[in-house]
Amino acid sequence: MAKTKSKISDLDEFVLTPDSLQADVDSDDLTDNTYMFMNRKRNLQVYVDASGWQECMDKFDTCQFQNPKDWEIYLKVKERSN
């Protein structure tokens, strides 16, 4: 089965979820990045700058979105090697 291309094709990113940010991320080495909060049900995107994943999560919590489980968090990657 062929994969379909994402609608957000101009960003190099990966999805972060609260589960993926737990124990295996001991250091806050993701600094000075742009994060995108995305709600696919409502087709909403919110961009924030944060100095690491913890600040990103704090900003997400500050937004107090309804139904937070409907949101995904993406990180824009500045450099990528293939």
C-alpha atoms as a PDB file:
ATOM      1  CA  MET A   1       0.000   0.000   0.000  1.00  0.00           C
ATOM      2  CA  ALA A   2       1.496   3.315  -1.052  1.00  0.00           C
ATOM      3  CA  LYS A   3       1.810   6.100   1.474  1.00  0.00           C
ATOM      4  CA  THR A   4       0.133   9.392   0.732  1.00  0.00           C
ATOM      5  CA  LYS A   5       2.108  12.601   1.018  1.00  0.00           C
ATOM      6  CA  SER A   6       1.412  14.799   4.017  1.00  0.00           C
ATOM      7  CA  LYS A   7      -0.404  18.083   3.490  1.00  0.00           C
ATOM      8  CA  ILE A   8       2.429  19.782   5.346  1.00  0.00           C
ATOM      9  CA  SER A   9       5.129  18.861   2.871  1.00  0.00           C
ATOM     10  CA  ASP A  10       7.257  21.991   3.308  1.00  0.00           C
ATOM     11  CA  LEU A  11       8.345  21.134   6.869  1.00  0.00           C
ATOM     12  CA  ASP A  12      10.871  18.532   7.918  1.00  0.00           C
ATOM     13  CA  GLU A  13       9.390  17.323  11.160  1.00  0.00           C
ATOM     14  CA  PHE A  14       8.468  14.464  13.426  1.00  0.00           C
ATOM     15  CA  VAL A  15       5.590  14.162  15.796  1.00  0.00           C
ATOM     16  CA  LEU A  16       6.091  14.503  19.544  1.00  0.00           C
ATOM     17  CA  THR A  17       3.565  13.113  21.955  1.00  0.00           C
ATOM     18  CA  PRO A  18       3.641  13.273  25.744  1.00  0.00           C
ATOM     19  CA  ASP A  19       4.467   9.544  25.765  1.00  0.00           C
ATOM     20  CA  SER A  20       7.444   9.985  23.429  1.00  0.00           C
ATOM     21  CA  LEU A  21       8.808  12.829  25.560  1.00  0.00           C
ATOM     22  CA  GLN A  22       9.030  10.833  28.775  1.00  0.00           C
ATOM     23  CA  ALA A  23      11.876   8.782  30.176  1.00  0.00           C
ATOM     24  CA  ASP A  24      13.992   8.340  27.054  1.00  0.00           C
ATOM     25  CA  VAL A  25      14.603  12.103  26.801  1.00  0.00           C
ATOM     26  CA  ASP A  26      16.853  12.878  29.727  1.00  0.00           C
ATOM     27  CA  SER A  27      18.456  16.062  28.461  1.00  0.00           C
ATOM     28  CA  ASP A  28      16.814  19.087  26.914  1.00  0.00           C
ATOM     29  CA  ASP A  29      18.997  19.129  23.800  1.00  0.00           C
ATOM     30  CA  LEU A  30      16.251  20.289  21.420  1.00  0.00           C
ATOM     31  CA  THR A  31      16.923  24.021  21.807  1.00  0.00           C
ATOM     32  CA  ASP A  32      15.897  27.090  19.820  1.00  0.00           C
ATOM     33  CA  ASN A  33      13.337  25.349  17.644  1.00  0.00           C
ATOM     34  CA  THR A  34       9.917  26.053  16.188  1.00  0.00           C
ATOM     35  CA  TYR A  35       7.120  23.732  17.251  1.00  0.00           C
ATOM     36  CA  MET A  36       3.712  23.343  15.662  1.00  0.00           C
ATOM     37  CA  PHE A  37       0.602  22.355  17.574  1.00  0.00           C
ATOM     38  CA  MET A  38      -1.793  20.755  15.096  1.00  0.00           C
ATOM     39  CA  ASN A  39      -5.429  19.790  15.436  1.00  0.00           C
ATOM     40  CA  ARG A  40      -6.359  17.767  12.336  1.00  0.00           C
ATOM     41  CA  LYS A  41     -10.044  17.582  13.281  1.00  0.00           C
ATOM     42  CA  ARG A  42     -10.374  21.366  13.132  1.00  0.00           C
ATOM     43  CA  ASN A  43      -7.558  22.015  10.626  1.00  0.00           C
ATOM     44  CA  LEU A  44      -5.799  24.370  13.065  1.00  0.00           C
ATOM     45  CA  GLN A  45      -2.079  25.022  13.373  1.00  0.00           C
ATOM     46  CA  VAL A  46      -0.374  27.052  16.093  1.00  0.00           C
ATOM     47  CA  TYR A  47       3.357  27.804  15.862  1.00  0.00           C
ATOM     48  CA  VAL A  48       5.535  28.559  18.887  1.00  0.00           C
ATOM     49  CA  ASP A  49       9.235  29.070  19.490  1.00  0.00           C
ATOM     50  CA  ALA A  50      10.638  27.218  22.479  1.00  0.00           C
ATOM     51  CA  SER A  51      14.032  26.523  23.990  1.00  0.00           C
ATOM     52  CA  GLY A  52      13.488  22.782  24.212  1.00  0.00           C
ATOM     53  CA  TRP A  53      10.731  20.237  24.531  1.00  0.00           C
ATOM     54  CA  GLN A  54       9.925  21.086  28.163  1.00  0.00           C
ATOM     55  CA  GLU A  55       9.237  24.744  27.337  1.00  0.00           C
ATOM     56  CA  CYS A  56       7.174  23.562  24.362  1.00  0.00           C
ATOM     57  CA  MET A  57       5.039  21.375  26.620  1.00  0.00           C
ATOM     58  CA  ASP A  58       4.662  24.247  29.107  1.00  0.00           C
ATOM     59  CA  LYS A  59       3.413  26.512  26.308  1.00  0.00           C
ATOM     60  CA  PHE A  60       1.015  23.800  25.129  1.00  0.00           C
ATOM     61  CA  ASP A  61      -0.389  23.479  28.657  1.00  0.00           C
ATOM     62  CA  THR A  62      -0.692  27.278  28.922  1.00  0.00           C
ATOM     63  CA  CYS A  63      -2.889  27.337  25.791  1.00  0.00           C
ATOM     64  CA  GLN A  64      -5.505  25.207  27.601  1.00  0.00           C
ATOM     65  CA  PHE A  65      -6.854  23.725  24.367  1.00  0.00           C
ATOM     66  CA  GLN A  66     -10.164  21.890  24.556  1.00  0.00           C
ATOM     67  CA  ASN A  67      -9.679  18.162  23.991  1.00  0.00           C
ATOM     68  CA  PRO A  68      -5.852  18.191  24.238  1.00  0.00           C
ATOM     69  CA  LYS A  69      -5.707  14.591  22.963  1.00  0.00           C
ATOM     70  CA  ASP A  70      -6.887  15.883  19.566  1.00  0.00           C
ATOM     71  CA  TRP A  71      -3.640  17.851  19.206  1.00  0.00           C
ATOM     72  CA  GLU A  72      -0.285  16.703  17.855  1.00  0.00           C
ATOM     73  CA  ILE A  73       3.028  18.449  18.401  1.00  0.00           C
ATOM     74  CA  TYR A  74       5.566  18.689  15.596  1.00  0.00           C
ATOM     75  CA  LEU A  75       9.132  19.884  15.665  1.00  0.00           C
ATOM     76  CA  LYS A  76      10.637  21.659  12.673  1.00  0.00           C
ATOM     77  CA  VAL A  77      14.057  20.127  12.060  1.00  0.00           C
ATOM     78  CA  LYS A  78      16.643  22.604  10.795  1.00  0.00           C
ATOM     79  CA  GLU A  79      18.993  20.069   9.248  1.00  0.00           C
ATOM     80  CA  ARG A  80      18.331  16.607   7.969  1.00  0.00           C
ATOM     81  CA  SER A  81      20.673  13.997   6.557  1.00  0.00           C
ATOM     82  CA  ASN A  82      19.358  11.312   4.227  1.00  0.00           C
END
